[in-house]
Amino acid sequence: MVTVGVHEAKTRLSELLRRVATGEEVTITSGGAAGEPLARLVPAQRRPERIFGRDRGLFEVPDDFNAAQPLEFSV
C-alpha cells in the first residue's frame, strides 16, 4: 500500500491511478506520509455481466396486471 499526502496525490494522480488499476491501494493523508488518513484509492469493482432472461420462470405476471384499479378516496 502506498501512502501520499494531498499535494503529492494531486501532482501524481495519473501515476497513482495506474497503480490502483493494477490492484494496489493508495492512502491519501493530510500533510505527507505521516499525516492523518483522509481517503483511500482502491480498484473499482466490476459489475457482473448482465444476462437477459436469467430470471425467466421465477415470476409470473398476473393476467390483470394492466387492469384499471378502483379509485379510493378518504377524507
PDB file of N, CA and C in Angstrom:
ATOM      1  N   MET A   1       0.851  -1.172   0.000  1.00  0.00           N
ATOM      2  CA  MET A   1       0.000   0.000   0.000  1.00  0.00           C
ATOM      3  C   MET A   1       0.896   1.233   0.000  1.00  0.00           C
ATOM      4  N   VAL A   2       0.500   2.220  -0.793  1.00  0.00           N
ATOM      5  CA  VAL A   2       1.243   3.468  -0.925  1.00  0.00           C
ATOM      6  C   VAL A   2       0.524   4.540  -0.107  1.00  0.00           C
ATOM      7  N   THR A   3       1.281   5.388   0.562  1.00  0.00           N
ATOM      8  CA  THR A   3       0.711   6.496   1.314  1.00  0.00           C
ATOM      9  C   THR A   3       1.319   7.787   0.807  1.00  0.00           C
ATOM     10  N   VAL A   4       0.465   8.735   0.431  1.00  0.00           N
ATOM     11  CA  VAL A   4       0.925  10.022  -0.084  1.00  0.00           C
ATOM     12  C   VAL A   4       0.080  11.137   0.518  1.00  0.00           C
ATOM     13  N   GLY A   5       0.659  12.323   0.556  1.00  0.00           N
ATOM     14  CA  GLY A   5      -0.069  13.494   1.016  1.00  0.00           C
ATOM     15  C   GLY A   5      -0.963  14.039  -0.094  1.00  0.00           C
ATOM     16  N   VAL A   6      -1.852  14.959   0.272  1.00  0.00           N
ATOM     17  CA  VAL A   6      -2.792  15.532  -0.686  1.00  0.00           C
ATOM     18  C   VAL A   6      -2.059  16.207  -1.840  1.00  0.00           C
ATOM     19  N   HIS A   7      -1.060  17.025  -1.546  1.00  0.00           N
ATOM     20  CA  HIS A   7      -0.349  17.740  -2.598  1.00  0.00           C
ATOM     21  C   HIS A   7       0.327  16.767  -3.567  1.00  0.00           C
ATOM     22  N   GLU A   8       0.983  15.742  -3.016  1.00  0.00           N
ATOM     23  CA  GLU A   8       1.644  14.757  -3.865  1.00  0.00           C
ATOM     24  C   GLU A   8       0.626  13.973  -4.688  1.00  0.00           C
ATOM     25  N   ALA A   9      -0.533  13.663  -4.095  1.00  0.00           N
ATOM     26  CA  ALA A   9      -1.569  12.934  -4.818  1.00  0.00           C
ATOM     27  C   ALA A   9      -2.076  13.757  -6.004  1.00  0.00           C
ATOM     28  N   LYS A  10      -2.248  15.063  -5.804  1.00  0.00           N
ATOM     29  CA  LYS A  10      -2.687  15.924  -6.906  1.00  0.00           C
ATOM     30  C   LYS A  10      -1.637  15.961  -8.007  1.00  0.00           C
ATOM     31  N   THR A  11      -0.374  16.009  -7.618  1.00  0.00           N
ATOM     32  CA  THR A  11       0.716  16.095  -8.580  1.00  0.00           C
ATOM     33  C   THR A  11       0.890  14.795  -9.361  1.00  0.00           C
ATOM     34  N   ARG A  12       0.687  13.646  -8.705  1.00  0.00           N
ATOM     35  CA  ARG A  12       0.963  12.336  -9.315  1.00  0.00           C
ATOM     36  C   ARG A  12      -0.293  11.509  -9.539  1.00  0.00           C
ATOM     37  N   LEU A  13      -1.450  12.150  -9.719  1.00  0.00           N
ATOM     38  CA  LEU A  13      -2.709  11.415  -9.788  1.00  0.00           C
ATOM     39  C   LEU A  13      -2.711  10.359 -10.892  1.00  0.00           C
ATOM     40  N   SER A  14      -2.242  10.696 -12.073  1.00  0.00           N
ATOM     41  CA  SER A  14      -2.244   9.721 -13.173  1.00  0.00           C
ATOM     42  C   SER A  14      -1.429   8.481 -12.818  1.00  0.00           C
ATOM     43  N   GLU A  15      -0.268   8.690 -12.251  1.00  0.00           N
ATOM     44  CA  GLU A  15       0.586   7.559 -11.855  1.00  0.00           C
ATOM     45  C   GLU A  15      -0.100   6.722 -10.781  1.00  0.00           C
ATOM     46  N   LEU A  16      -0.707   7.387  -9.797  1.00  0.00           N
ATOM     47  CA  LEU A  16      -1.374   6.662  -8.718  1.00  0.00           C
ATOM     48  C   LEU A  16      -2.550   5.851  -9.254  1.00  0.00           C
ATOM     49  N   LEU A  17      -3.286   6.405 -10.200  1.00  0.00           N
ATOM     50  CA  LEU A  17      -4.407   5.675 -10.784  1.00  0.00           C
ATOM     51  C   LEU A  17      -3.936   4.451 -11.563  1.00  0.00           C
ATOM     52  N   ARG A  18      -2.794   4.558 -12.229  1.00  0.00           N
ATOM     53  CA  ARG A  18      -2.239   3.389 -12.925  1.00  0.00           C
ATOM     54  C   ARG A  18      -1.900   2.283 -11.911  1.00  0.00           C
ATOM     55  N   ARG A  19      -1.355   2.674 -10.783  1.00  0.00           N
ATOM     56  CA  ARG A  19      -1.015   1.688  -9.750  1.00  0.00           C
ATOM     57  C   ARG A  19      -2.276   1.048  -9.172  1.00  0.00           C
ATOM     58  N   VAL A  20      -3.307   1.864  -8.968  1.00  0.00           N
ATOM     59  CA  VAL A  20      -4.570   1.340  -8.451  1.00  0.00           C
ATOM     60  C   VAL A  20      -5.177   0.360  -9.448  1.00  0.00           C
ATOM     61  N   ALA A  21      -5.058   0.655 -10.736  1.00  0.00           N
ATOM     62  CA  ALA A  21      -5.600  -0.226 -11.774  1.00  0.00           C
ATOM     63  C   ALA A  21      -4.956  -1.604 -11.756  1.00  0.00           C
ATOM     64  N   THR A  22      -3.738  -1.695 -11.234  1.00  0.00           N
ATOM     65  CA  THR A  22      -3.065  -2.993 -11.135  1.00  0.00           C
ATOM     66  C   THR A  22      -3.380  -3.710  -9.827  1.00  0.00           C
ATOM     67  N   GLY A  23      -4.235  -3.100  -8.992  1.00  0.00           N
ATOM     68  CA  GLY A  23      -4.655  -3.757  -7.750  1.00  0.00           C
ATOM     69  C   GLY A  23      -4.080  -3.160  -6.482  1.00  0.00           C
ATOM     70  N   GLU A  24      -3.217  -2.177  -6.599  1.00  0.00           N
ATOM     71  CA  GLU A  24      -2.602  -1.568  -5.426  1.00  0.00           C
ATOM     72  C   GLU A  24      -3.565  -0.571  -4.785  1.00  0.00           C
ATOM     73  N   GLU A  25      -3.449  -0.369  -3.479  1.00  0.00           N
ATOM     74  CA  GLU A  25      -4.260   0.619  -2.771  1.00  0.00           C
ATOM     75  C   GLU A  25      -3.388   1.817  -2.430  1.00  0.00           C
ATOM     76  N   VAL A  26      -3.986   3.015  -2.475  1.00  0.00           N
ATOM     77  CA  VAL A  26      -3.271   4.251  -2.174  1.00  0.00           C
ATOM     78  C   VAL A  26      -4.041   4.976  -1.075  1.00  0.00           C
ATOM     79  N   THR A  27      -3.339   5.347  -0.013  1.00  0.00           N
ATOM     80  CA  THR A  27      -3.939   6.134   1.058  1.00  0.00           C
ATOM     81  C   THR A  27      -3.488   7.577   0.903  1.00  0.00           C
ATOM     82  N   ILE A  28      -4.442   8.488   0.930  1.00  0.00           N
ATOM     83  CA  ILE A  28      -4.130   9.918   0.836  1.00  0.00           C
ATOM     84  C   ILE A  28      -4.285  10.513   2.231  1.00  0.00           C
ATOM     85  N   THR A  29      -3.239  11.200   2.665  1.00  0.00           N
ATOM     86  CA  THR A  29      -3.219  11.748   4.015  1.00  0.00           C
ATOM     87  C   THR A  29      -3.130  13.265   3.994  1.00  0.00           C
ATOM     88  N   SER A  30      -3.414  13.846   5.134  1.00  0.00           N
ATOM     89  CA  SER A  30      -3.237  15.287   5.293  1.00  0.00           C
ATOM     90  C   SER A  30      -1.809  15.532   5.734  1.00  0.00           C
ATOM     91  N   GLY A  31      -1.049  16.231   4.954  1.00  0.00           N
ATOM     92  CA  GLY A  31       0.305  16.601   5.365  1.00  0.00           C
ATOM     93  C   GLY A  31       1.347  15.518   5.233  1.00  0.00           C
ATOM     94  N   GLY A  32       1.444  14.850   4.120  1.00  0.00           N
ATOM     95  CA  GLY A  32       2.543  13.912   3.891  1.00  0.00           C
ATOM     96  C   GLY A  32       2.239  12.509   4.361  1.00  0.00           C
ATOM     97  N   ALA A  33       3.244  11.647   4.273  1.00  0.00           N
ATOM     98  CA  ALA A  33       3.088  10.231   4.589  1.00  0.00           C
ATOM     99  C   ALA A  33       2.752   9.983   6.051  1.00  0.00           C
ATOM    100  N   ALA A  34       3.120  10.904   6.938  1.00  0.00           N
ATOM    101  CA  ALA A  34       2.868  10.705   8.365  1.00  0.00           C
ATOM    102  C   ALA A  34       1.571  11.373   8.823  1.00  0.00           C
ATOM    103  N   GLY A  35       0.839  11.994   7.913  1.00  0.00           N
ATOM    104  CA  GLY A  35      -0.387  12.705   8.278  1.00  0.00           C
ATOM    105  C   GLY A  35      -1.551  11.770   8.545  1.00  0.00           C
ATOM    106  N   GLU A  36      -2.687  12.383   8.887  1.00  0.00           N
ATOM    107  CA  GLU A  36      -3.901  11.624   9.183  1.00  0.00           C
ATOM    108  C   GLU A  36      -4.546  11.151   7.873  1.00  0.00           C
ATOM    109  N   PRO A  37      -4.910   9.878   7.773  1.00  0.00           N
ATOM    110  CA  PRO A  37      -5.530   9.364   6.545  1.00  0.00           C
ATOM    111  C   PRO A  37      -6.846  10.080   6.251  1.00  0.00           C
ATOM    112  N   LEU A  38      -7.017  10.516   5.007  1.00  0.00           N
ATOM    113  CA  LEU A  38      -8.233  11.201   4.576  1.00  0.00           C
ATOM    114  C   LEU A  38      -9.069  10.355   3.626  1.00  0.00           C
ATOM    115  N   ALA A  39      -8.394   9.611   2.747  1.00  0.00           N
ATOM    116  CA  ALA A  39      -9.112   8.836   1.736  1.00  0.00           C
ATOM    117  C   ALA A  39      -8.255   7.670   1.269  1.00  0.00           C
ATOM    118  N   ARG A  40      -8.924   6.703   0.628  1.00  0.00           N
ATOM    119  CA  ARG A  40      -8.226   5.573   0.023  1.00  0.00           C
ATOM    120  C   ARG A  40      -8.665   5.447  -1.423  1.00  0.00           C
ATOM    121  N   LEU A  41      -7.709   5.229  -2.298  1.00  0.00           N
ATOM    122  CA  LEU A  41      -7.998   4.903  -3.688  1.00  0.00           C
ATOM    123  C   LEU A  41      -7.874   3.396  -3.818  1.00  0.00           C
ATOM    124  N   VAL A  42      -8.935   2.756  -4.242  1.00  0.00           N
ATOM    125  CA  VAL A  42      -8.942   1.305  -4.416  1.00  0.00           C
ATOM    126  C   VAL A  42      -9.494   0.988  -5.792  1.00  0.00           C
ATOM    127  N   PRO A  43      -9.170  -0.176  -6.345  1.00  0.00           N
ATOM    128  CA  PRO A  43      -9.712  -0.535  -7.655  1.00  0.00           C
ATOM    129  C   PRO A  43     -11.239  -0.592  -7.612  1.00  0.00           C
ATOM    130  N   ALA A  44     -11.875  -0.096  -8.659  1.00  0.00           N
ATOM    131  CA  ALA A  44     -13.330  -0.150  -8.766  1.00  0.00           C
ATOM    132  C   ALA A  44     -13.758  -1.590  -8.996  1.00  0.00           C
ATOM    133  N   GLN A  45     -14.886  -1.957  -8.413  1.00  0.00           N
ATOM    134  CA  GLN A  45     -15.404  -3.304  -8.619  1.00  0.00           C
ATOM    135  C   GLN A  45     -16.119  -3.357  -9.959  1.00  0.00           C
ATOM    136  N   ARG A  46     -15.846  -4.393 -10.692  1.00  0.00           N
ATOM    137  CA  ARG A  46     -16.507  -4.563 -11.981  1.00  0.00           C
ATOM    138  C   ARG A  46     -17.925  -5.071 -11.753  1.00  0.00           C
ATOM    139  N   ARG A  47     -18.846  -4.562 -12.569  1.00  0.00           N
ATOM    140  CA  ARG A  47     -20.225  -5.035 -12.484  1.00  0.00           C
ATOM    141  C   ARG A  47     -20.308  -6.440 -13.071  1.00  0.00           C
ATOM    142  N   PRO A  48     -21.135  -7.276 -12.457  1.00  0.00           N
ATOM    143  CA  PRO A  48     -21.297  -8.610 -13.031  1.00  0.00           C
ATOM    144  C   PRO A  48     -21.974  -8.511 -14.395  1.00  0.00           C
ATOM    145  N   GLU A  49     -21.683  -9.460 -15.255  1.00  0.00           N
ATOM    146  CA  GLU A  49     -22.261  -9.468 -16.584  1.00  0.00           C
ATOM    147  C   GLU A  49     -23.773  -9.650 -16.489  1.00  0.00           C
ATOM    148  N   ARG A  50     -24.516  -8.831 -17.244  1.00  0.00           N
ATOM    149  CA  ARG A  50     -25.971  -8.943 -17.259  1.00  0.00           C
ATOM    150  C   ARG A  50     -26.374  -9.923 -18.353  1.00  0.00           C
ATOM    151  N   ILE A  51     -27.164 -10.898 -17.961  1.00  0.00           N
ATOM    152  CA  ILE A  51     -27.622 -11.910 -18.910  1.00  0.00           C
ATOM    153  C   ILE A  51     -29.134 -11.797 -19.024  1.00  0.00           C
ATOM    154  N   PHE A  52     -29.606 -11.432 -20.226  1.00  0.00           N
ATOM    155  CA  PHE A  52     -31.030 -11.283 -20.464  1.00  0.00           C
ATOM    156  C   PHE A  52     -31.739 -12.620 -20.270  1.00  0.00           C
ATOM    157  N   GLY A  53     -32.811 -12.596 -19.490  1.00  0.00           N
ATOM    158  CA  GLY A  53     -33.601 -13.801 -19.271  1.00  0.00           C
ATOM    159  C   GLY A  53     -33.098 -14.684 -18.149  1.00  0.00           C
ATOM    160  N   ARG A  54     -32.137 -14.204 -17.380  1.00  0.00           N
ATOM    161  CA  ARG A  54     -31.556 -15.023 -16.306  1.00  0.00           C
ATOM    162  C   ARG A  54     -32.620 -15.487 -15.308  1.00  0.00           C
ATOM    163  N   ASP A  55     -33.610 -14.627 -15.025  1.00  0.00           N
ATOM    164  CA  ASP A  55     -34.632 -14.957 -14.023  1.00  0.00           C
ATOM    165  C   ASP A  55     -35.935 -15.466 -14.635  1.00  0.00           C
ATOM    166  N   ARG A  56     -35.896 -15.849 -15.896  1.00  0.00           N
ATOM    167  CA  ARG A  56     -37.094 -16.346 -16.569  1.00  0.00           C
ATOM    168  C   ARG A  56     -37.668 -17.522 -15.783  1.00  0.00           C
ATOM    169  N   GLY A  57     -38.983 -17.458 -15.544  1.00  0.00           N
ATOM    170  CA  GLY A  57     -39.657 -18.532 -14.827  1.00  0.00           C
ATOM    171  C   GLY A  57     -39.727 -18.330 -13.325  1.00  0.00           C
ATOM    172  N   LEU A  58     -39.046 -17.322 -12.786  1.00  0.00           N
ATOM    173  CA  LEU A  58     -39.078 -17.087 -11.338  1.00  0.00           C
ATOM    174  C   LEU A  58     -40.268 -16.242 -10.913  1.00  0.00           C
ATOM    175  N   PHE A  59     -40.893 -15.553 -11.883  1.00  0.00           N
ATOM    176  CA  PHE A  59     -42.011 -14.685 -11.567  1.00  0.00           C
ATOM    177  C   PHE A  59     -43.013 -14.753 -12.705  1.00  0.00           C
ATOM    178  N   GLU A  60     -44.287 -14.807 -12.348  1.00  0.00           N
ATOM    179  CA  GLU A  60     -45.332 -14.845 -13.364  1.00  0.00           C
ATOM    180  C   GLU A  60     -46.146 -13.559 -13.259  1.00  0.00           C
ATOM    181  N   VAL A  61     -46.299 -12.865 -14.378  1.00  0.00           N
ATOM    182  CA  VAL A  61     -47.070 -11.626 -14.412  1.00  0.00           C
ATOM    183  C   VAL A  61     -48.548 -11.994 -14.419  1.00  0.00           C
ATOM    184  N   PRO A  62     -49.330 -11.446 -13.460  1.00  0.00           N
ATOM    185  CA  PRO A  62     -50.755 -11.769 -13.410  1.00  0.00           C
ATOM    186  C   PRO A  62     -51.482 -11.269 -14.661  1.00  0.00           C
ATOM    187  N   ASP A  63     -52.569 -11.957 -15.029  1.00  0.00           N
ATOM    188  CA  ASP A  63     -53.345 -11.576 -16.212  1.00  0.00           C
ATOM    189  C   ASP A  63     -53.921 -10.171 -16.088  1.00  0.00           C
ATOM    190  N   ASP A  64     -54.257  -9.742 -14.865  1.00  0.00           N
ATOM    191  CA  ASP A  64     -54.869  -8.415 -14.672  1.00  0.00           C
ATOM    192  C   ASP A  64     -53.828  -7.337 -14.334  1.00  0.00           C
ATOM    193  N   PHE A  65     -52.608  -7.556 -14.742  1.00  0.00           N
ATOM    194  CA  PHE A  65     -51.517  -6.624 -14.417  1.00  0.00           C
ATOM    195  C   PHE A  65     -51.830  -5.192 -14.844  1.00  0.00           C
ATOM    196  N   ASN A  66     -52.388  -5.000 -16.024  1.00  0.00           N
ATOM    197  CA  ASN A  66     -52.678  -3.659 -16.536  1.00  0.00           C
ATOM    198  C   ASN A  66     -54.123  -3.226 -16.307  1.00  0.00           C
ATOM    199  N   ALA A  67     -54.884  -3.970 -15.539  1.00  0.00           N
ATOM    200  CA  ALA A  67     -56.289  -3.632 -15.301  1.00  0.00           C
ATOM    201  C   ALA A  67     -56.387  -2.353 -14.476  1.00  0.00           C
ATOM    202  N   ALA A  68     -57.436  -1.579 -14.764  1.00  0.00           N
ATOM    203  CA  ALA A  68     -57.662  -0.316 -14.019  1.00  0.00           C
ATOM    204  C   ALA A  68     -57.984  -0.663 -12.568  1.00  0.00           C
ATOM    205  N   GLN A  69     -57.448   0.133 -11.682  1.00  0.00           N
ATOM    206  CA  GLN A  69     -57.679  -0.055 -10.258  1.00  0.00           C
ATOM    207  C   GLN A  69     -58.817   0.872  -9.800  1.00  0.00           C
ATOM    208  N   PRO A  70     -59.630   0.446  -8.837  1.00  0.00           N
ATOM    209  CA  PRO A  70     -60.697   1.320  -8.352  1.00  0.00           C
ATOM    210  C   PRO A  70     -60.101   2.518  -7.618  1.00  0.00           C
ATOM    211  N   LEU A  71     -60.728   3.679  -7.794  1.00  0.00           N
ATOM    212  CA  LEU A  71     -60.283   4.877  -7.115  1.00  0.00           C
ATOM    213  C   LEU A  71     -60.831   4.873  -5.690  1.00  0.00           C
ATOM    214  N   GLU A  72     -59.971   5.108  -4.744  1.00  0.00           N
ATOM    215  CA  GLU A  72     -60.387   5.157  -3.347  1.00  0.00           C
ATOM    216  C   GLU A  72     -60.034   6.510  -2.783  1.00  0.00           C
ATOM    217  N   PHE A  73     -61.020   7.143  -2.184  1.00  0.00           N
ATOM    218  CA  PHE A  73     -60.800   8.449  -1.559  1.00  0.00           C
ATOM    219  C   PHE A  73     -61.110   8.353  -0.091  1.00  0.00           C
ATOM    220  N   SER A  74     -60.275   8.920   0.711  1.00  0.00           N
ATOM    221  CA  SER A  74     -60.559   9.001   2.136  1.00  0.00           C
ATOM    222  C   SER A  74     -60.434  10.458   2.570  1.00  0.00           C
ATOM    223  N   VAL A  75     -61.392  10.864   3.374  1.00  0.00           N
ATOM    224  CA  VAL A  75     -61.412  12.274   3.797  1.00  0.00           C
ATOM    225  C   VAL A  75     -61.155  12.366   5.278  1.00  0.00           C
TER     226      VAL A  75
END
